[in-house]
Amino acid sequence: MSASLLYLAPWLLLLVLLACGHYPGERLLEAIVRARRPHPRREDRPPARPLPARPFPRGGVLLALALAGRGPPA
């Protein structure tokens, strides 16, 4: 009987803490969330450069343009 109570002791302690309103690990979780949250630095960021214009179509657009110019097979 005493051995089974020793196995249940951590669970019982956790249930007692939760019932009293104490949440173990709460401060650690808040610190982790604060550390992972990105800080807004819009003032330090350089202005966005416009994307360079491509002289010819690439990828799927190239394939679509090539297929659109052909007629049906004879």
PDB file of N, CA and C in Angstrom:
ATOM      1  N   MET A   1       0.825  -1.191   0.000  1.00  0.00           N
ATOM      2  CA  MET A   1       0.000   0.000   0.000  1.00  0.00           C
ATOM      3  C   MET A   1       0.869   1.256   0.000  1.00  0.00           C
ATOM      4  N   SER A   2       1.930   1.271   0.795  1.00  0.00           N
ATOM      5  CA  SER A   2       2.777   2.470   0.879  1.00  0.00           C
ATOM      6  C   SER A   2       3.546   2.689  -0.427  1.00  0.00           C
ATOM      7  N   ALA A   3       3.887   1.613  -1.119  1.00  0.00           N
ATOM      8  CA  ALA A   3       4.606   1.759  -2.393  1.00  0.00           C
ATOM      9  C   ALA A   3       3.708   2.391  -3.441  1.00  0.00           C
ATOM     10  N   SER A   4       2.433   2.050  -3.443  1.00  0.00           N
ATOM     11  CA  SER A   4       1.524   2.656  -4.424  1.00  0.00           C
ATOM     12  C   SER A   4       1.296   4.135  -4.115  1.00  0.00           C
ATOM     13  N   LEU A   5       1.304   4.494  -2.840  1.00  0.00           N
ATOM     14  CA  LEU A   5       1.162   5.915  -2.486  1.00  0.00           C
ATOM     15  C   LEU A   5       2.384   6.717  -2.896  1.00  0.00           C
ATOM     16  N   LEU A   6       3.552   6.099  -2.862  1.00  0.00           N
ATOM     17  CA  LEU A   6       4.760   6.794  -3.304  1.00  0.00           C
ATOM     18  C   LEU A   6       4.718   7.061  -4.811  1.00  0.00           C
ATOM     19  N   TYR A   7       4.123   6.165  -5.571  1.00  0.00           N
ATOM     20  CA  TYR A   7       3.975   6.392  -7.011  1.00  0.00           C
ATOM     21  C   TYR A   7       2.960   7.497  -7.298  1.00  0.00           C
ATOM     22  N   LEU A   8       1.952   7.606  -6.471  1.00  0.00           N
ATOM     23  CA  LEU A   8       0.912   8.604  -6.675  1.00  0.00           C
ATOM     24  C   LEU A   8       1.238   9.952  -6.039  1.00  0.00           C
ATOM     25  N   ALA A   9       2.286  10.038  -5.235  1.00  0.00           N
ATOM     26  CA  ALA A   9       2.617  11.273  -4.520  1.00  0.00           C
ATOM     27  C   ALA A   9       2.835  12.470  -5.459  1.00  0.00           C
ATOM     28  N   PRO A  10       3.601  12.354  -6.552  1.00  0.00           N
ATOM     29  CA  PRO A  10       3.769  13.520  -7.437  1.00  0.00           C
ATOM     30  C   PRO A  10       2.437  14.000  -8.032  1.00  0.00           C
ATOM     31  N   TRP A  11       1.578  13.061  -8.402  1.00  0.00           N
ATOM     32  CA  TRP A  11       0.283  13.442  -8.976  1.00  0.00           C
ATOM     33  C   TRP A  11      -0.597  14.121  -7.931  1.00  0.00           C
ATOM     34  N   LEU A  12      -0.570  13.588  -6.731  1.00  0.00           N
ATOM     35  CA  LEU A  12      -1.371  14.192  -5.662  1.00  0.00           C
ATOM     36  C   LEU A  12      -0.856  15.581  -5.313  1.00  0.00           C
ATOM     37  N   LEU A  13       0.453  15.761  -5.273  1.00  0.00           N
ATOM     38  CA  LEU A  13       1.025  17.069  -5.006  1.00  0.00           C
ATOM     39  C   LEU A  13       0.642  18.064  -6.101  1.00  0.00           C
ATOM     40  N   LEU A  14       0.702  17.642  -7.343  1.00  0.00           N
ATOM     41  CA  LEU A  14       0.320  18.510  -8.457  1.00  0.00           C
ATOM     42  C   LEU A  14      -1.156  18.885  -8.378  1.00  0.00           C
ATOM     43  N   LEU A  15      -2.013  17.940  -8.051  1.00  0.00           N
ATOM     44  CA  LEU A  15      -3.440  18.242  -7.924  1.00  0.00           C
ATOM     45  C   LEU A  15      -3.710  19.215  -6.781  1.00  0.00           C
ATOM     46  N   VAL A  16      -2.991  19.074  -5.678  1.00  0.00           N
ATOM     47  CA  VAL A  16      -3.162  19.995  -4.550  1.00  0.00           C
ATOM     48  C   VAL A  16      -2.707  21.395  -4.950  1.00  0.00           C
ATOM     49  N   LEU A  17      -1.574  21.490  -5.649  1.00  0.00           N
ATOM     50  CA  LEU A  17      -1.095  22.807  -6.090  1.00  0.00           C
ATOM     51  C   LEU A  17      -2.080  23.462  -7.049  1.00  0.00           C
ATOM     52  N   LEU A  18      -2.605  22.716  -7.991  1.00  0.00           N
ATOM     53  CA  LEU A  18      -3.561  23.271  -8.943  1.00  0.00           C
ATOM     54  C   LEU A  18      -4.860  23.681  -8.252  1.00  0.00           C
ATOM     55  N   ALA A  19      -5.292  22.923  -7.269  1.00  0.00           N
ATOM     56  CA  ALA A  19      -6.514  23.253  -6.543  1.00  0.00           C
ATOM     57  C   ALA A  19      -6.341  24.527  -5.727  1.00  0.00           C
ATOM     58  N   CYS A  20      -5.130  24.800  -5.280  1.00  0.00           N
ATOM     59  CA  CYS A  20      -4.869  26.018  -4.499  1.00  0.00           C
ATOM     60  C   CYS A  20      -4.626  27.233  -5.388  1.00  0.00           C
ATOM     61  N   GLY A  21      -4.549  27.057  -6.693  1.00  0.00           N
ATOM     62  CA  GLY A  21      -4.361  28.183  -7.612  1.00  0.00           C
ATOM     63  C   GLY A  21      -2.915  28.444  -7.977  1.00  0.00           C
ATOM     64  N   HIS A  22      -2.017  27.561  -7.609  1.00  0.00           N
ATOM     65  CA  HIS A  22      -0.611  27.703  -7.979  1.00  0.00           C
ATOM     66  C   HIS A  22      -0.352  26.860  -9.215  1.00  0.00           C
ATOM     67  N   TYR A  23       0.301  27.457 -10.191  1.00  0.00           N
ATOM     68  CA  TYR A  23       0.562  26.750 -11.444  1.00  0.00           C
ATOM     69  C   TYR A  23       2.066  26.574 -11.599  1.00  0.00           C
ATOM     70  N   PRO A  24       2.593  25.377 -11.348  1.00  0.00           N
ATOM     71  CA  PRO A  24       4.036  25.148 -11.441  1.00  0.00           C
ATOM     72  C   PRO A  24       4.535  25.339 -12.869  1.00  0.00           C
ATOM     73  N   GLY A  25       5.630  26.060 -13.009  1.00  0.00           N
ATOM     74  CA  GLY A  25       6.224  26.291 -14.320  1.00  0.00           C
ATOM     75  C   GLY A  25       5.641  27.474 -15.059  1.00  0.00           C
ATOM     76  N   GLU A  26       4.746  28.230 -14.445  1.00  0.00           N
ATOM     77  CA  GLU A  26       4.095  29.345 -15.129  1.00  0.00           C
ATOM     78  C   GLU A  26       5.102  30.442 -15.483  1.00  0.00           C
ATOM     79  N   ARG A  27       5.986  30.762 -14.568  1.00  0.00           N
ATOM     80  CA  ARG A  27       6.980  31.819 -14.828  1.00  0.00           C
ATOM     81  C   ARG A  27       7.950  31.396 -15.925  1.00  0.00           C
ATOM     82  N   LEU A  28       8.320  30.139 -15.920  1.00  0.00           N
ATOM     83  CA  LEU A  28       9.233  29.648 -16.950  1.00  0.00           C
ATOM     84  C   LEU A  28       8.584  29.705 -18.331  1.00  0.00           C
ATOM     85  N   LEU A  29       7.320  29.316 -18.421  1.00  0.00           N
ATOM     86  CA  LEU A  29       6.609  29.376 -19.702  1.00  0.00           C
ATOM     87  C   LEU A  29       6.462  30.811 -20.187  1.00  0.00           C
ATOM     88  N   GLU A  30       6.176  31.740 -19.282  1.00  0.00           N
ATOM     89  CA  GLU A  30       6.066  33.151 -19.677  1.00  0.00           C
ATOM     90  C   GLU A  30       7.402  33.683 -20.177  1.00  0.00           C
ATOM     91  N   ALA A  31       8.501  33.300 -19.543  1.00  0.00           N
ATOM     92  CA  ALA A  31       9.821  33.740 -19.987  1.00  0.00           C
ATOM     93  C   ALA A  31      10.150  33.188 -21.366  1.00  0.00           C
ATOM     94  N   ILE A  32       9.779  31.945 -21.619  1.00  0.00           N
ATOM     95  CA  ILE A  32      10.042  31.342 -22.932  1.00  0.00           C
ATOM     96  C   ILE A  32       9.231  32.053 -24.011  1.00  0.00           C
ATOM     97  N   VAL A  33       7.977  32.361 -23.719  1.00  0.00           N
ATOM     98  CA  VAL A  33       7.127  33.043 -24.701  1.00  0.00           C
ATOM     99  C   VAL A  33       7.664  34.429 -24.982  1.00  0.00           C
ATOM    100  N   ARG A  34       8.089  35.148 -23.940  1.00  0.00           N
ATOM    101  CA  ARG A  34       8.635  36.491 -24.142  1.00  0.00           C
ATOM    102  C   ARG A  34       9.923  36.453 -24.941  1.00  0.00           C
ATOM    103  N   ALA A  35      10.757  35.434 -24.730  1.00  0.00           N
ATOM    104  CA  ALA A  35      12.024  35.333 -25.454  1.00  0.00           C
ATOM    105  C   ALA A  35      11.808  34.999 -26.922  1.00  0.00           C
ATOM    106  N   ARG A  36      10.772  34.236 -27.238  1.00  0.00           N
ATOM    107  CA  ARG A  36      10.531  33.832 -28.629  1.00  0.00           C
ATOM    108  C   ARG A  36       9.737  34.847 -29.415  1.00  0.00           C
ATOM    109  N   ARG A  37       9.073  35.781 -28.735  1.00  0.00           N
ATOM    110  CA  ARG A  37       8.257  36.785 -29.416  1.00  0.00           C
ATOM    111  C   ARG A  37       9.161  37.771 -30.142  1.00  0.00           C
ATOM    112  N   PRO A  38       8.937  38.007 -31.420  1.00  0.00           N
ATOM    113  CA  PRO A  38       9.782  38.967 -32.139  1.00  0.00           C
ATOM    114  C   PRO A  38       9.497  40.391 -31.666  1.00  0.00           C
ATOM    115  N   HIS A  39      10.558  41.149 -31.562  1.00  0.00           N
ATOM    116  CA  HIS A  39      10.425  42.542 -31.144  1.00  0.00           C
ATOM    117  C   HIS A  39      10.224  43.409 -32.375  1.00  0.00           C
ATOM    118  N   PRO A  40       9.227  44.267 -32.367  1.00  0.00           N
ATOM    119  CA  PRO A  40       9.015  45.124 -33.541  1.00  0.00           C
ATOM    120  C   PRO A  40      10.123  46.170 -33.645  1.00  0.00           C
ATOM    121  N   ARG A  41      10.832  46.143 -34.735  1.00  0.00           N
ATOM    122  CA  ARG A  41      11.916  47.104 -34.973  1.00  0.00           C
ATOM    123  C   ARG A  41      11.715  47.760 -36.327  1.00  0.00           C
ATOM    124  N   ARG A  42      10.624  48.384 -36.504  1.00  0.00           N
ATOM    125  CA  ARG A  42      10.328  48.992 -37.802  1.00  0.00           C
ATOM    126  C   ARG A  42      11.208  50.203 -38.085  1.00  0.00           C
ATOM    127  N   GLU A  43      11.651  50.895 -37.032  1.00  0.00           N
ATOM    128  CA  GLU A  43      12.479  52.080 -37.240  1.00  0.00           C
ATOM    129  C   GLU A  43      13.870  51.702 -37.725  1.00  0.00           C
ATOM    130  N   ASP A  44      14.387  50.555 -37.250  1.00  0.00           N
ATOM    131  CA  ASP A  44      15.737  50.144 -37.602  1.00  0.00           C
ATOM    132  C   ASP A  44      15.817  49.464 -38.964  1.00  0.00           C
ATOM    133  N   ARG A  45      14.694  49.038 -39.488  1.00  0.00           N
ATOM    134  CA  ARG A  45      14.678  48.289 -40.730  1.00  0.00           C
ATOM    135  C   ARG A  45      14.908  49.222 -41.925  1.00  0.00           C
ATOM    136  N   PRO A  46      15.783  48.864 -42.857  1.00  0.00           N
ATOM    137  CA  PRO A  46      15.966  49.708 -44.043  1.00  0.00           C
ATOM    138  C   PRO A  46      14.718  49.649 -44.931  1.00  0.00           C
ATOM    139  N   PRO A  47      14.495  50.666 -45.734  1.00  0.00           N
ATOM    140  CA  PRO A  47      13.316  50.645 -46.603  1.00  0.00           C
ATOM    141  C   PRO A  47      13.390  49.497 -47.609  1.00  0.00           C
ATOM    142  N   ALA A  48      12.244  48.953 -47.921  1.00  0.00           N
ATOM    143  CA  ALA A  48      12.181  47.821 -48.846  1.00  0.00           C
ATOM    144  C   ALA A  48      12.532  48.273 -50.254  1.00  0.00           C
ATOM    145  N   ARG A  49      13.374  47.462 -50.914  1.00  0.00           N
ATOM    146  CA  ARG A  49      13.739  47.782 -52.293  1.00  0.00           C
ATOM    147  C   ARG A  49      12.728  47.143 -53.240  1.00  0.00           C
ATOM    148  N   PRO A  50      12.392  47.814 -54.322  1.00  0.00           N
ATOM    149  CA  PRO A  50      11.472  47.189 -55.277  1.00  0.00           C
ATOM    150  C   PRO A  50      12.150  46.010 -55.977  1.00  0.00           C
ATOM    151  N   LEU A  51      11.346  45.018 -56.318  1.00  0.00           N
ATOM    152  CA  LEU A  51      11.880  43.854 -57.016  1.00  0.00           C
ATOM    153  C   LEU A  51      12.284  44.232 -58.433  1.00  0.00           C
ATOM    154  N   PRO A  52      13.424  43.723 -58.905  1.00  0.00           N
ATOM    155  CA  PRO A  52      13.833  44.054 -60.271  1.00  0.00           C
ATOM    156  C   PRO A  52      12.893  43.394 -61.285  1.00  0.00           C
ATOM    157  N   ALA A  53      12.636  44.104 -62.365  1.00  0.00           N
ATOM    158  CA  ALA A  53      11.772  43.564 -63.415  1.00  0.00           C
ATOM    159  C   ALA A  53      12.538  42.476 -64.171  1.00  0.00           C
ATOM    160  N   ARG A  54      11.883  41.373 -64.443  1.00  0.00           N
ATOM    161  CA  ARG A  54      12.527  40.287 -65.177  1.00  0.00           C
ATOM    162  C   ARG A  54      12.343  40.521 -66.667  1.00  0.00           C
ATOM    163  N   PRO A  55      13.394  40.350 -67.459  1.00  0.00           N
ATOM    164  CA  PRO A  55      13.290  40.633 -68.892  1.00  0.00           C
ATOM    165  C   PRO A  55      12.466  39.597 -69.648  1.00  0.00           C
ATOM    166  N   PHE A  56      12.299  38.402 -69.126  1.00  0.00           N
ATOM    167  CA  PHE A  56      11.512  37.379 -69.806  1.00  0.00           C
ATOM    168  C   PHE A  56      10.791  36.533 -68.758  1.00  0.00           C
ATOM    169  N   PRO A  57       9.679  35.915 -69.151  1.00  0.00           N
ATOM    170  CA  PRO A  57       8.952  35.091 -68.179  1.00  0.00           C
ATOM    171  C   PRO A  57       9.734  33.839 -67.815  1.00  0.00           C
ATOM    172  N   ARG A  58       9.496  33.360 -66.576  1.00  0.00           N
ATOM    173  CA  ARG A  58      10.197  32.179 -66.096  1.00  0.00           C
ATOM    174  C   ARG A  58       9.206  31.199 -65.496  1.00  0.00           C
ATOM    175  N   GLY A  59       9.604  29.957 -65.397  1.00  0.00           N
ATOM    176  CA  GLY A  59       8.833  28.943 -64.699  1.00  0.00           C
ATOM    177  C   GLY A  59       7.527  28.615 -65.379  1.00  0.00           C
ATOM    178  N   GLY A  60       6.461  28.588 -64.588  1.00  0.00           N
ATOM    179  CA  GLY A  60       5.149  28.213 -65.091  1.00  0.00           C
ATOM    180  C   GLY A  60       4.602  29.209 -66.094  1.00  0.00           C
ATOM    181  N   VAL A  61       4.957  30.487 -65.951  1.00  0.00           N
ATOM    182  CA  VAL A  61       4.483  31.498 -66.906  1.00  0.00           C
ATOM    183  C   VAL A  61       5.096  31.244 -68.276  1.00  0.00           C
ATOM    184  N   LEU A  62       6.367  30.874 -68.313  1.00  0.00           N
ATOM    185  CA  LEU A  62       7.017  30.563 -69.577  1.00  0.00           C
ATOM    186  C   LEU A  62       6.331  29.381 -70.261  1.00  0.00           C
ATOM    187  N   LEU A  63       6.031  28.354 -69.498  1.00  0.00           N
ATOM    188  CA  LEU A  63       5.358  27.183 -70.046  1.00  0.00           C
ATOM    189  C   LEU A  63       3.965  27.554 -70.548  1.00  0.00           C
ATOM    190  N   ALA A  64       3.236  28.345 -69.787  1.00  0.00           N
ATOM    191  CA  ALA A  64       1.892  28.741 -70.198  1.00  0.00           C
ATOM    192  C   ALA A  64       1.929  29.594 -71.457  1.00  0.00           C
ATOM    193  N   LEU A  65       2.873  30.496 -71.554  1.00  0.00           N
ATOM    194  CA  LEU A  65       2.975  31.323 -72.760  1.00  0.00           C
ATOM    195  C   LEU A  65       3.366  30.486 -73.980  1.00  0.00           C
ATOM    196  N   ALA A  66       4.227  29.496 -73.792  1.00  0.00           N
ATOM    197  CA  ALA A  66       4.645  28.643 -74.906  1.00  0.00           C
ATOM    198  C   ALA A  66       3.479  27.780 -75.386  1.00  0.00           C
ATOM    199  N   LEU A  67       2.685  27.264 -74.486  1.00  0.00           N
ATOM    200  CA  LEU A  67       1.560  26.431 -74.884  1.00  0.00           C
ATOM    201  C   LEU A  67       0.407  27.253 -75.470  1.00  0.00           C
ATOM    202  N   ALA A  68       0.270  28.491 -75.013  1.00  0.00           N
ATOM    203  CA  ALA A  68      -0.848  29.323 -75.492  1.00  0.00           C
ATOM    204  C   ALA A  68      -0.640  29.746 -76.938  1.00  0.00           C
ATOM    205  N   GLY A  69       0.590  29.795 -77.433  1.00  0.00           N
ATOM    206  CA  GLY A  69       0.840  30.243 -78.812  1.00  0.00           C
ATOM    207  C   GLY A  69       0.690  29.161 -79.847  1.00  0.00           C
ATOM    208  N   ARG A  70       0.638  27.932 -79.460  1.00  0.00           N
ATOM    209  CA  ARG A  70       0.555  26.833 -80.412  1.00  0.00           C
ATOM    210  C   ARG A  70      -0.903  26.523 -80.755  1.00  0.00           C
ATOM    211  N   GLY A  71      -1.090  26.049 -81.945  1.00  0.00           N
ATOM    212  CA  GLY A  71      -2.411  25.587 -82.340  1.00  0.00           C
ATOM    213  C   GLY A  71      -2.595  24.143 -81.978  1.00  0.00           C
ATOM    214  N   PRO A  72      -3.790  23.615 -82.183  1.00  0.00           N
ATOM    215  CA  PRO A  72      -4.017  22.197 -81.874  1.00  0.00           C
ATOM    216  C   PRO A  72      -3.250  21.299 -82.840  1.00  0.00           C
ATOM    217  N   PRO A  73      -2.896  20.101 -82.435  1.00  0.00           N
ATOM    218  CA  PRO A  73      -2.165  19.204 -83.324  1.00  0.00           C
ATOM    219  C   PRO A  73      -3.023  18.801 -84.534  1.00  0.00           C
ATOM    220  N   ALA A  74      -2.383  18.616 -85.645  1.00  0.00           N
ATOM    221  CA  ALA A  74      -3.120  18.287 -86.864  1.00  0.00           C
ATOM    222  C   ALA A  74      -3.368  16.823 -86.997  1.00  0.00           C
TER     223      ALA A  74
END
